[in-house]
Every structure is written in structure tokens, then in C-alpha cells.
Amino acid sequence: VRKAKGWSQEALAKRCGISLNFMGKIERGKRRMSMDTFASLC
């Protein structure tokens, strides 16, 4: 979805208030996120 919008990981991370490192781990399925972060992504 992020790529379909033409956004970088960094741009989405900033919009959600999380670090670029954490965003990368979410996208690779390496880290679980809080409900707040999930709601922000949605």
C-alpha cells in the first residue's frame, strides 16, 4: 500500500510517528506493533 501511494518508508514512518528502523522491521515482519501504531498505519 505504501509503494502504491509512492511513499518512502521514511515518509510513512514520519506520518505515523515512528522511527525508520521500526518501520522497516514492521514491513519485514520482524517486529510487532502497538495498537496505536497499527491504527496510525491504517
PDB file of all heavy atoms in Angstrom:
ATOM      1  N   VAL A   1       0.842  -1.201   0.000  1.00  0.00           N
ATOM      2  CA  VAL A   1       0.000   0.000   0.000  1.00  0.00           C
ATOM      3  C   VAL A   1       0.876   1.248   0.000  1.00  0.00           C
ATOM      4  O   VAL A   1       0.606   2.210  -0.726  1.00  0.00           O
ATOM      5  CB  VAL A   1      -0.970   0.005   1.205  1.00  0.00           C
ATOM      6  CG1 VAL A   1      -1.753   1.300   1.270  1.00  0.00           C
ATOM      7  CG2 VAL A   1      -1.919  -1.188   1.134  1.00  0.00           C
ATOM      8  N   ARG A   2       1.933   1.236   0.806  1.00  0.00           N
ATOM      9  CA  ARG A   2       2.845   2.386   0.856  1.00  0.00           C
ATOM     10  C   ARG A   2       3.429   2.675  -0.520  1.00  0.00           C
ATOM     11  O   ARG A   2       3.437   3.811  -0.990  1.00  0.00           O
ATOM     12  CB  ARG A   2       3.976   2.107   1.859  1.00  0.00           C
ATOM     13  CG  ARG A   2       5.047   3.196   1.866  1.00  0.00           C
ATOM     14  CD  ARG A   2       6.190   2.885   2.797  1.00  0.00           C
ATOM     15  NE  ARG A   2       6.919   1.659   2.509  1.00  0.00           N
ATOM     16  CZ  ARG A   2       7.828   1.512   1.536  1.00  0.00           C
ATOM     17  NH1 ARG A   2       8.094   2.505   0.709  1.00  0.00           N
ATOM     18  NH2 ARG A   2       8.460   0.355   1.378  1.00  0.00           N
ATOM     19  N   LYS A   3       3.912   1.634  -1.190  1.00  0.00           N
ATOM     20  CA  LYS A   3       4.505   1.816  -2.522  1.00  0.00           C
ATOM     21  C   LYS A   3       3.470   2.276  -3.540  1.00  0.00           C
ATOM     22  O   LYS A   3       3.772   3.079  -4.420  1.00  0.00           O
ATOM     23  CB  LYS A   3       5.190   0.526  -2.986  1.00  0.00           C
ATOM     24  CG  LYS A   3       6.499   0.279  -2.273  1.00  0.00           C
ATOM     25  CD  LYS A   3       7.215  -0.933  -2.844  1.00  0.00           C
ATOM     26  CE  LYS A   3       8.593  -1.038  -2.260  1.00  0.00           C
ATOM     27  NZ  LYS A   3       9.384  -2.076  -2.921  1.00  0.00           N
ATOM     28  N   ALA A   4       2.243   1.765  -3.421  1.00  0.00           N
ATOM     29  CA  ALA A   4       1.181   2.190  -4.345  1.00  0.00           C
ATOM     30  C   ALA A   4       0.908   3.683  -4.201  1.00  0.00           C
ATOM     31  O   ALA A   4       0.526   4.345  -5.166  1.00  0.00           O
ATOM     32  CB  ALA A   4      -0.090   1.383  -4.085  1.00  0.00           C
ATOM     33  N   LYS A   5       1.132   4.218  -3.024  1.00  0.00           N
ATOM     34  CA  LYS A   5       0.950   5.651  -2.786  1.00  0.00           C
ATOM     35  C   LYS A   5       2.187   6.450  -3.193  1.00  0.00           C
ATOM     36  O   LYS A   5       2.167   7.678  -3.180  1.00  0.00           O
ATOM     37  CB  LYS A   5       0.632   5.913  -1.316  1.00  0.00           C
ATOM     38  CG  LYS A   5      -0.754   5.430  -0.929  1.00  0.00           C
ATOM     39  CD  LYS A   5      -1.086   5.848   0.487  1.00  0.00           C
ATOM     40  CE  LYS A   5      -2.529   5.601   0.806  1.00  0.00           C
ATOM     41  NZ  LYS A   5      -3.453   6.485   0.125  1.00  0.00           N
ATOM     42  N   GLY A   6       3.280   5.744  -3.527  1.00  0.00           N
ATOM     43  CA  GLY A   6       4.506   6.411  -3.935  1.00  0.00           C
ATOM     44  C   GLY A   6       5.295   6.992  -2.774  1.00  0.00           C
ATOM     45  O   GLY A   6       6.094   7.909  -2.960  1.00  0.00           O
ATOM     46  N   TRP A   7       5.080   6.459  -1.578  1.00  0.00           N
ATOM     47  CA  TRP A   7       5.755   6.965  -0.385  1.00  0.00           C
ATOM     48  C   TRP A   7       6.980   6.125  -0.056  1.00  0.00           C
ATOM     49  O   TRP A   7       6.992   4.909  -0.268  1.00  0.00           O
ATOM     50  CB  TRP A   7       4.835   6.937   0.820  1.00  0.00           C
ATOM     51  CG  TRP A   7       3.632   7.812   0.735  1.00  0.00           C
ATOM     52  CD1 TRP A   7       3.378   8.788  -0.184  1.00  0.00           C
ATOM     53  CD2 TRP A   7       2.508   7.793   1.610  1.00  0.00           C
ATOM     54  NE1 TRP A   7       2.161   9.376   0.071  1.00  0.00           N
ATOM     55  CE2 TRP A   7       1.607   8.789   1.167  1.00  0.00           C
ATOM     56  CE3 TRP A   7       2.179   7.037   2.728  1.00  0.00           C
ATOM     57  CZ2 TRP A   7       0.408   9.038   1.799  1.00  0.00           C
ATOM     58  CZ3 TRP A   7       0.978   7.282   3.358  1.00  0.00           C
ATOM     59  CH2 TRP A   7       0.102   8.282   2.899  1.00  0.00           C
ATOM     60  N   SER A   8       7.966   6.763   0.535  1.00  0.00           N
ATOM     61  CA  SER A   8       9.123   6.048   1.057  1.00  0.00           C
ATOM     62  C   SER A   8       8.782   5.522   2.448  1.00  0.00           C
ATOM     63  O   SER A   8       7.814   5.968   3.077  1.00  0.00           O
ATOM     64  CB  SER A   8      10.327   6.997   1.159  1.00  0.00           C
ATOM     65  OG  SER A   8      10.074   7.996   2.138  1.00  0.00           O
ATOM     66  N   GLN A   9       9.598   4.600   2.930  1.00  0.00           N
ATOM     67  CA  GLN A   9       9.427   4.122   4.310  1.00  0.00           C
ATOM     68  C   GLN A   9       9.563   5.294   5.274  1.00  0.00           C
ATOM     69  O   GLN A   9       8.821   5.397   6.247  1.00  0.00           O
ATOM     70  CB  GLN A   9      10.476   3.063   4.654  1.00  0.00           C
ATOM     71  CG  GLN A   9      10.156   1.680   4.229  1.00  0.00           C
ATOM     72  CD  GLN A   9      11.170   0.670   4.765  1.00  0.00           C
ATOM     73  OE1 GLN A   9      12.275   1.017   5.172  1.00  0.00           O
ATOM     74  NE2 GLN A   9      10.779  -0.584   4.750  1.00  0.00           N
ATOM     75  N   GLU A  10      10.522   6.155   4.991  1.00  0.00           N
ATOM     76  CA  GLU A  10      10.763   7.299   5.863  1.00  0.00           C
ATOM     77  C   GLU A  10       9.537   8.211   5.942  1.00  0.00           C
ATOM     78  O   GLU A  10       9.155   8.655   7.029  1.00  0.00           O
ATOM     79  CB  GLU A  10      11.977   8.092   5.374  1.00  0.00           C
ATOM     80  CG  GLU A  10      12.337   9.246   6.279  1.00  0.00           C
ATOM     81  CD  GLU A  10      13.598   9.977   5.820  1.00  0.00           C
ATOM     82  OE1 GLU A  10      14.036   9.787   4.671  1.00  0.00           O
ATOM     83  OE2 GLU A  10      14.118  10.740   6.646  1.00  0.00           O
ATOM     84  N   ALA A  11       8.907   8.460   4.807  1.00  0.00           N
ATOM     85  CA  ALA A  11       7.724   9.326   4.796  1.00  0.00           C
ATOM     86  C   ALA A  11       6.591   8.723   5.627  1.00  0.00           C
ATOM     87  O   ALA A  11       5.954   9.431   6.426  1.00  0.00           O
ATOM     88  CB  ALA A  11       7.258   9.563   3.359  1.00  0.00           C
ATOM     89  N   LEU A  12       6.354   7.424   5.471  1.00  0.00           N
ATOM     90  CA  LEU A  12       5.281   6.780   6.230  1.00  0.00           C
ATOM     91  C   LEU A  12       5.633   6.743   7.717  1.00  0.00           C
ATOM     92  O   LEU A  12       4.772   6.991   8.566  1.00  0.00           O
ATOM     93  CB  LEU A  12       4.994   5.371   5.710  1.00  0.00           C
ATOM     94  CG  LEU A  12       3.878   4.606   6.420  1.00  0.00           C
ATOM     95  CD1 LEU A  12       2.556   5.382   6.407  1.00  0.00           C
ATOM     96  CD2 LEU A  12       3.692   3.226   5.791  1.00  0.00           C
ATOM     97  N   ALA A  13       6.882   6.456   8.027  1.00  0.00           N
ATOM     98  CA  ALA A  13       7.308   6.431   9.429  1.00  0.00           C
ATOM     99  C   ALA A  13       7.059   7.784  10.092  1.00  0.00           C
ATOM    100  O   ALA A  13       6.519   7.847  11.210  1.00  0.00           O
ATOM    101  CB  ALA A  13       8.788   6.047   9.525  1.00  0.00           C
ATOM    102  N   LYS A  14       7.414   8.870   9.408  1.00  0.00           N
ATOM    103  CA  LYS A  14       7.193  10.210   9.959  1.00  0.00           C
ATOM    104  C   LYS A  14       5.710  10.478  10.178  1.00  0.00           C
ATOM    105  O   LYS A  14       5.314  11.023  11.208  1.00  0.00           O
ATOM    106  CB  LYS A  14       7.782  11.277   9.032  1.00  0.00           C
ATOM    107  CG  LYS A  14       9.273  11.416   9.151  1.00  0.00           C
ATOM    108  CD  LYS A  14       9.792  12.524   8.263  1.00  0.00           C
ATOM    109  CE  LYS A  14      11.296  12.610   8.351  1.00  0.00           C
ATOM    110  NZ  LYS A  14      11.836  13.661   7.484  1.00  0.00           N
ATOM    111  N   ARG A  15       4.893  10.087   9.205  1.00  0.00           N
ATOM    112  CA  ARG A  15       3.445  10.311   9.319  1.00  0.00           C
ATOM    113  C   ARG A  15       2.867   9.553  10.516  1.00  0.00           C
ATOM    114  O   ARG A  15       1.907   9.999  11.126  1.00  0.00           O
ATOM    115  CB  ARG A  15       2.749   9.887   8.032  1.00  0.00           C
ATOM    116  CG  ARG A  15       3.089  10.767   6.840  1.00  0.00           C
ATOM    117  CD  ARG A  15       2.476  10.202   5.571  1.00  0.00           C
ATOM    118  NE  ARG A  15       1.081  10.574   5.501  1.00  0.00           N
ATOM    119  CZ  ARG A  15       0.562  11.409   4.615  1.00  0.00           C
ATOM    120  NH1 ARG A  15       1.350  11.957   3.706  1.00  0.00           N
ATOM    121  NH2 ARG A  15      -0.719  11.690   4.619  1.00  0.00           N
ATOM    122  N   CYS A  16       3.447   8.392  10.825  1.00  0.00           N
ATOM    123  CA  CYS A  16       2.953   7.557  11.923  1.00  0.00           C
ATOM    124  C   CYS A  16       3.649   7.842  13.255  1.00  0.00           C
ATOM    125  O   CYS A  16       3.260   7.285  14.285  1.00  0.00           O
ATOM    126  CB  CYS A  16       3.116   6.077  11.573  1.00  0.00           C
ATOM    127  SG  CYS A  16       2.065   5.546  10.222  1.00  0.00           S
ATOM    128  N   GLY A  17       4.682   8.664  13.226  1.00  0.00           N
ATOM    129  CA  GLY A  17       5.390   8.994  14.454  1.00  0.00           C
ATOM    130  C   GLY A  17       6.268   7.877  14.976  1.00  0.00           C
ATOM    131  O   GLY A  17       6.440   7.722  16.192  1.00  0.00           O
ATOM    132  N   ILE A  18       6.839   7.084  14.069  1.00  0.00           N
ATOM    133  CA  ILE A  18       7.745   6.005  14.472  1.00  0.00           C
ATOM    134  C   ILE A  18       9.072   6.164  13.731  1.00  0.00           C
ATOM    135  O   ILE A  18       9.168   6.926  12.765  1.00  0.00           O
ATOM    136  CB  ILE A  18       7.139   4.602  14.203  1.00  0.00           C
ATOM    137  CG1 ILE A  18       6.853   4.399  12.712  1.00  0.00           C
ATOM    138  CG2 ILE A  18       5.873   4.396  15.030  1.00  0.00           C
ATOM    139  CD1 ILE A  18       6.363   3.011  12.343  1.00  0.00           C
ATOM    140  N   SER A  19      10.076   5.429  14.171  1.00  0.00           N
ATOM    141  CA  SER A  19      11.385   5.529  13.524  1.00  0.00           C
ATOM    142  C   SER A  19      11.399   4.770  12.200  1.00  0.00           C
ATOM    143  O   SER A  19      10.621   3.833  11.992  1.00  0.00           O
ATOM    144  CB  SER A  19      12.475   4.968  14.444  1.00  0.00           C
ATOM    145  OG  SER A  19      12.375   3.559  14.525  1.00  0.00           O
ATOM    146  N   LEU A  20      12.312   5.187  11.343  1.00  0.00           N
ATOM    147  CA  LEU A  20      12.509   4.494  10.065  1.00  0.00           C
ATOM    148  C   LEU A  20      12.910   3.042  10.312  1.00  0.00           C
ATOM    149  O   LEU A  20      12.435   2.132   9.629  1.00  0.00           O
ATOM    150  CB  LEU A  20      13.572   5.219   9.239  1.00  0.00           C
ATOM    151  CG  LEU A  20      14.000   4.559   7.935  1.00  0.00           C
ATOM    152  CD1 LEU A  20      12.822   4.381   6.990  1.00  0.00           C
ATOM    153  CD2 LEU A  20      15.097   5.374   7.269  1.00  0.00           C
ATOM    154  N   ASN A  21      13.759   2.817  11.294  1.00  0.00           N
ATOM    155  CA  ASN A  21      14.213   1.467  11.637  1.00  0.00           C
ATOM    156  C   ASN A  21      13.011   0.576  12.009  1.00  0.00           C
ATOM    157  O   ASN A  21      12.894  -0.555  11.539  1.00  0.00           O
ATOM    158  CB  ASN A  21      15.217   1.542  12.788  1.00  0.00           C
ATOM    159  CG  ASN A  21      15.828   0.198  13.123  1.00  0.00           C
ATOM    160  OD1 ASN A  21      16.036  -0.637  12.254  1.00  0.00           O
ATOM    161  ND2 ASN A  21      16.112  -0.008  14.385  1.00  0.00           N
ATOM    162  N   PHE A  22      12.126   1.101  12.848  1.00  0.00           N
ATOM    163  CA  PHE A  22      10.951   0.341  13.267  1.00  0.00           C
ATOM    164  C   PHE A  22      10.030   0.072  12.070  1.00  0.00           C
ATOM    165  O   PHE A  22       9.509  -1.031  11.916  1.00  0.00           O
ATOM    166  CB  PHE A  22      10.221   1.096  14.382  1.00  0.00           C
ATOM    167  CG  PHE A  22       9.073   0.332  14.997  1.00  0.00           C
ATOM    168  CD1 PHE A  22       9.173  -1.015  15.303  1.00  0.00           C
ATOM    169  CD2 PHE A  22       7.886   0.977  15.303  1.00  0.00           C
ATOM    170  CE1 PHE A  22       8.113  -1.718  15.877  1.00  0.00           C
ATOM    171  CE2 PHE A  22       6.829   0.294  15.878  1.00  0.00           C
ATOM    172  CZ  PHE A  22       6.935  -1.053  16.164  1.00  0.00           C
ATOM    173  N   MET A  23       9.856   1.073  11.204  1.00  0.00           N
ATOM    174  CA  MET A  23       9.007   0.887  10.013  1.00  0.00           C
ATOM    175  C   MET A  23       9.550  -0.248   9.159  1.00  0.00           C
ATOM    176  O   MET A  23       8.787  -1.103   8.690  1.00  0.00           O
ATOM    177  CB  MET A  23       8.954   2.190   9.213  1.00  0.00           C
ATOM    178  CG  MET A  23       8.291   2.084   7.882  1.00  0.00           C
ATOM    179  SD  MET A  23       6.509   2.142   7.701  1.00  0.00           S
ATOM    180  CE  MET A  23       5.706   1.745   9.113  1.00  0.00           C
ATOM    181  N   GLY A  24      10.855  -0.286   8.965  1.00  0.00           N
ATOM    182  CA  GLY A  24      11.469  -1.355   8.174  1.00  0.00           C
ATOM    183  C   GLY A  24      11.221  -2.726   8.793  1.00  0.00           C
ATOM    184  O   GLY A  24      10.936  -3.697   8.086  1.00  0.00           O
ATOM    185  N   LYS A  25      11.314  -2.799  10.107  1.00  0.00           N
ATOM    186  CA  LYS A  25      11.084  -4.074  10.794  1.00  0.00           C
ATOM    187  C   LYS A  25       9.623  -4.503  10.710  1.00  0.00           C
ATOM    188  O   LYS A  25       9.331  -5.697  10.583  1.00  0.00           O
ATOM    189  CB  LYS A  25      11.542  -3.980  12.243  1.00  0.00           C
ATOM    190  CG  LYS A  25      13.056  -3.934  12.360  1.00  0.00           C
ATOM    191  CD  LYS A  25      13.530  -3.826  13.786  1.00  0.00           C
ATOM    192  CE  LYS A  25      15.049  -3.798  13.815  1.00  0.00           C
ATOM    193  NZ  LYS A  25      15.579  -3.690  15.162  1.00  0.00           N
ATOM    194  N   ILE A  26       8.709  -3.540  10.748  1.00  0.00           N
ATOM    195  CA  ILE A  26       7.290  -3.864  10.577  1.00  0.00           C
ATOM    196  C   ILE A  26       7.069  -4.461   9.185  1.00  0.00           C
ATOM    197  O   ILE A  26       6.425  -5.497   9.033  1.00  0.00           O
ATOM    198  CB  ILE A  26       6.396  -2.620  10.781  1.00  0.00           C
ATOM    199  CG1 ILE A  26       6.377  -2.207  12.256  1.00  0.00           C
ATOM    200  CG2 ILE A  26       4.970  -2.889  10.287  1.00  0.00           C
ATOM    201  CD1 ILE A  26       5.717  -0.854  12.513  1.00  0.00           C
ATOM    202  N   GLU A  27       7.616  -3.805   8.170  1.00  0.00           N
ATOM    203  CA  GLU A  27       7.421  -4.271   6.793  1.00  0.00           C
ATOM    204  C   GLU A  27       8.074  -5.628   6.541  1.00  0.00           C
ATOM    205  O   GLU A  27       7.612  -6.376   5.686  1.00  0.00           O
ATOM    206  CB  GLU A  27       7.932  -3.231   5.795  1.00  0.00           C
ATOM    207  CG  GLU A  27       7.031  -2.027   5.691  1.00  0.00           C
ATOM    208  CD  GLU A  27       7.372  -1.119   4.521  1.00  0.00           C
ATOM    209  OE1 GLU A  27       8.319  -1.413   3.755  1.00  0.00           O
ATOM    210  OE2 GLU A  27       6.669  -0.106   4.365  1.00  0.00           O
ATOM    211  N   ARG A  28       9.111  -5.952   7.269  1.00  0.00           N
ATOM    212  CA  ARG A  28       9.761  -7.266   7.122  1.00  0.00           C
ATOM    213  C   ARG A  28       9.160  -8.311   8.045  1.00  0.00           C
ATOM    214  O   ARG A  28       9.584  -9.466   8.034  1.00  0.00           O
ATOM    215  CB  ARG A  28      11.272  -7.136   7.363  1.00  0.00           C
ATOM    216  CG  ARG A  28      12.001  -6.377   6.273  1.00  0.00           C
ATOM    217  CD  ARG A  28      13.512  -6.444   6.433  1.00  0.00           C
ATOM    218  NE  ARG A  28      13.996  -5.993   7.724  1.00  0.00           N
ATOM    219  CZ  ARG A  28      14.211  -4.711   8.079  1.00  0.00           C
ATOM    220  NH1 ARG A  28      13.964  -3.757   7.207  1.00  0.00           N
ATOM    221  NH2 ARG A  28      14.669  -4.415   9.274  1.00  0.00           N
ATOM    222  N   GLY A  29       8.180  -7.911   8.847  1.00  0.00           N
ATOM    223  CA  GLY A  29       7.529  -8.852   9.755  1.00  0.00           C
ATOM    224  C   GLY A  29       8.396  -9.232  10.938  1.00  0.00           C
ATOM    225  O   GLY A  29       8.154 -10.245  11.592  1.00  0.00           O
ATOM    226  N   LYS A  30       9.386  -8.415  11.257  1.00  0.00           N
ATOM    227  CA  LYS A  30      10.339  -8.717  12.336  1.00  0.00           C
ATOM    228  C   LYS A  30       9.899  -8.173  13.691  1.00  0.00           C
ATOM    229  O   LYS A  30      10.404  -8.602  14.709  1.00  0.00           O
ATOM    230  CB  LYS A  30      11.722  -8.144  12.008  1.00  0.00           C
ATOM    231  CG  LYS A  30      12.325  -8.685  10.732  1.00  0.00           C
ATOM    232  CD  LYS A  30      12.677 -10.135  10.883  1.00  0.00           C
ATOM    233  CE  LYS A  30      13.364 -10.637   9.617  1.00  0.00           C
ATOM    234  NZ  LYS A  30      13.563 -12.063   9.645  1.00  0.00           N
ATOM    235  N   ARG A  31       8.994  -7.199  13.682  1.00  0.00           N
ATOM    236  CA  ARG A  31       8.549  -6.595  14.938  1.00  0.00           C
ATOM    237  C   ARG A  31       7.037  -6.479  14.952  1.00  0.00           C
ATOM    238  O   ARG A  31       6.411  -6.209  13.926  1.00  0.00           O
ATOM    239  CB  ARG A  31       9.113  -5.171  15.099  1.00  0.00           C
ATOM    240  CG  ARG A  31      10.579  -5.064  15.340  1.00  0.00           C
ATOM    241  CD  ARG A  31      11.024  -5.208  16.789  1.00  0.00           C
ATOM    242  NE  ARG A  31      10.315  -4.441  17.781  1.00  0.00           N
ATOM    243  CZ  ARG A  31      10.616  -3.212  18.162  1.00  0.00           C
ATOM    244  NH1 ARG A  31      11.631  -2.581  17.616  1.00  0.00           N
ATOM    245  NH2 ARG A  31       9.911  -2.622  19.103  1.00  0.00           N
ATOM    246  N   ARG A  32       6.479  -6.670  16.128  1.00  0.00           N
ATOM    247  CA  ARG A  32       5.058  -6.443  16.330  1.00  0.00           C
ATOM    248  C   ARG A  32       4.870  -4.985  16.705  1.00  0.00           C
ATOM    249  O   ARG A  32       5.745  -4.384  17.316  1.00  0.00           O
ATOM    250  CB  ARG A  32       4.523  -7.344  17.437  1.00  0.00           C
ATOM    251  CG  ARG A  32       4.586  -8.794  17.051  1.00  0.00           C
ATOM    252  CD  ARG A  32       4.034  -9.655  18.139  1.00  0.00           C
ATOM    253  NE  ARG A  32       4.130 -11.060  17.727  1.00  0.00           N
ATOM    254  CZ  ARG A  32       3.607 -12.043  18.406  1.00  0.00           C
ATOM    255  NH1 ARG A  32       2.954 -11.817  19.527  1.00  0.00           N
ATOM    256  NH2 ARG A  32       3.722 -13.279  17.974  1.00  0.00           N
ATOM    257  N   MET A  33       3.728  -4.442  16.361  1.00  0.00           N
ATOM    258  CA  MET A  33       3.475  -3.041  16.654  1.00  0.00           C
ATOM    259  C   MET A  33       2.347  -2.906  17.666  1.00  0.00           C
ATOM    260  O   MET A  33       1.548  -3.825  17.840  1.00  0.00           O
ATOM    261  CB  MET A  33       3.137  -2.297  15.371  1.00  0.00           C
ATOM    262  CG  MET A  33       1.845  -2.755  14.695  1.00  0.00           C
ATOM    263  SD  MET A  33       1.694  -2.182  13.015  1.00  0.00           S
ATOM    264  CE  MET A  33       2.006  -3.710  12.134  1.00  0.00           C
ATOM    265  N   SER A  34       2.301  -1.768  18.310  1.00  0.00           N
ATOM    266  CA  SER A  34       1.220  -1.493  19.259  1.00  0.00           C
ATOM    267  C   SER A  34      -0.068  -1.229  18.475  1.00  0.00           C
ATOM    268  O   SER A  34      -0.047  -0.985  17.262  1.00  0.00           O
ATOM    269  CB  SER A  34       1.555  -0.265  20.106  1.00  0.00           C
ATOM    270  OG  SER A  34       1.502   0.909  19.303  1.00  0.00           O
ATOM    271  N   MET A  35      -1.161  -1.250  19.192  1.00  0.00           N
ATOM    272  CA  MET A  35      -2.446  -0.951  18.575  1.00  0.00           C
ATOM    273  C   MET A  35      -2.453   0.494  18.062  1.00  0.00           C
ATOM    274  O   MET A  35      -3.019   0.769  16.999  1.00  0.00           O
ATOM    275  CB  MET A  35      -3.550  -1.172  19.614  1.00  0.00           C
ATOM    276  CG  MET A  35      -4.889  -1.409  19.052  1.00  0.00           C
ATOM    277  SD  MET A  35      -4.855  -2.749  17.877  1.00  0.00           S
ATOM    278  CE  MET A  35      -6.420  -3.411  18.182  1.00  0.00           C
ATOM    279  N   ASP A  36      -1.811   1.402  18.797  1.00  0.00           N
ATOM    280  CA  ASP A  36      -1.739   2.798  18.363  1.00  0.00           C
ATOM    281  C   ASP A  36      -0.996   2.923  17.034  1.00  0.00           C
ATOM    282  O   ASP A  36      -1.425   3.651  16.135  1.00  0.00           O
ATOM    283  CB  ASP A  36      -1.043   3.668  19.420  1.00  0.00           C
ATOM    284  CG  ASP A  36      -1.901   3.897  20.644  1.00  0.00           C
ATOM    285  OD1 ASP A  36      -3.141   3.762  20.558  1.00  0.00           O
ATOM    286  OD2 ASP A  36      -1.324   4.213  21.709  1.00  0.00           O
ATOM    287  N   THR A  37       0.121   2.220  16.917  1.00  0.00           N
ATOM    288  CA  THR A  37       0.892   2.263  15.670  1.00  0.00           C
ATOM    289  C   THR A  37       0.093   1.643  14.533  1.00  0.00           C
ATOM    290  O   THR A  37       0.065   2.181  13.421  1.00  0.00           O
ATOM    291  CB  THR A  37       2.247   1.539  15.835  1.00  0.00           C
ATOM    292  OG1 THR A  37       2.989   2.199  16.864  1.00  0.00           O
ATOM    293  CG2 THR A  37       3.042   1.528  14.546  1.00  0.00           C
ATOM    294  N   PHE A  38      -0.573   0.530  14.801  1.00  0.00           N
ATOM    295  CA  PHE A  38      -1.390  -0.113  13.769  1.00  0.00           C
ATOM    296  C   PHE A  38      -2.501   0.828  13.309  1.00  0.00           C
ATOM    297  O   PHE A  38      -2.747   0.973  12.111  1.00  0.00           O
ATOM    298  CB  PHE A  38      -1.968  -1.433  14.282  1.00  0.00           C
ATOM    299  CG  PHE A  38      -2.795  -2.151  13.264  1.00  0.00           C
ATOM    300  CD1 PHE A  38      -2.192  -2.748  12.165  1.00  0.00           C
ATOM    301  CD2 PHE A  38      -4.172  -2.205  13.381  1.00  0.00           C
ATOM    302  CE1 PHE A  38      -2.955  -3.409  11.197  1.00  0.00           C
ATOM    303  CE2 PHE A  38      -4.939  -2.848  12.429  1.00  0.00           C
ATOM    304  CZ  PHE A  38      -4.335  -3.454  11.338  1.00  0.00           C
ATOM    305  N   ALA A  39      -3.161   1.481  14.262  1.00  0.00           N
ATOM    306  CA  ALA A  39      -4.231   2.430  13.917  1.00  0.00           C
ATOM    307  C   ALA A  39      -3.677   3.584  13.084  1.00  0.00           C
ATOM    308  O   ALA A  39      -4.312   4.022  12.120  1.00  0.00           O
ATOM    309  CB  ALA A  39      -4.906   2.953  15.183  1.00  0.00           C
ATOM    310  N   SER A  40      -2.480   4.056  13.429  1.00  0.00           N
ATOM    311  CA  SER A  40      -1.841   5.131  12.650  1.00  0.00           C
ATOM    312  C   SER A  40      -1.559   4.682  11.225  1.00  0.00           C
ATOM    313  O   SER A  40      -1.784   5.431  10.269  1.00  0.00           O
ATOM    314  CB  SER A  40      -0.533   5.573  13.313  1.00  0.00           C
ATOM    315  OG  SER A  40      -0.780   6.234  14.516  1.00  0.00           O
ATOM    316  N   LEU A  41      -1.061   3.454  11.085  1.00  0.00           N
ATOM    317  CA  LEU A  41      -0.799   2.926   9.739  1.00  0.00           C
ATOM    318  C   LEU A  41      -2.090   2.872   8.918  1.00  0.00           C
ATOM    319  O   LEU A  41      -2.105   3.283   7.757  1.00  0.00           O
ATOM    320  CB  LEU A  41      -0.170   1.533   9.824  1.00  0.00           C
ATOM    321  CG  LEU A  41       1.308   1.476  10.140  1.00  0.00           C
ATOM    322  CD1 LEU A  41       1.728   0.044  10.437  1.00  0.00           C
ATOM    323  CD2 LEU A  41       2.125   2.055   8.999  1.00  0.00           C
ATOM    324  N   CYS A  42      -3.144   2.345   9.527  1.00  0.00           N
ATOM    325  CA  CYS A  42      -4.432   2.261   8.815  1.00  0.00           C
ATOM    326  C   CYS A  42      -4.901   3.650   8.397  1.00  0.00           C
ATOM    327  O   CYS A  42      -5.327   3.861   7.258  1.00  0.00           O
ATOM    328  CB  CYS A  42      -5.495   1.600   9.692  1.00  0.00           C
ATOM    329  SG  CYS A  42      -5.223  -0.160   9.971  1.00  0.00           S
TER     330      CYS A  42
END
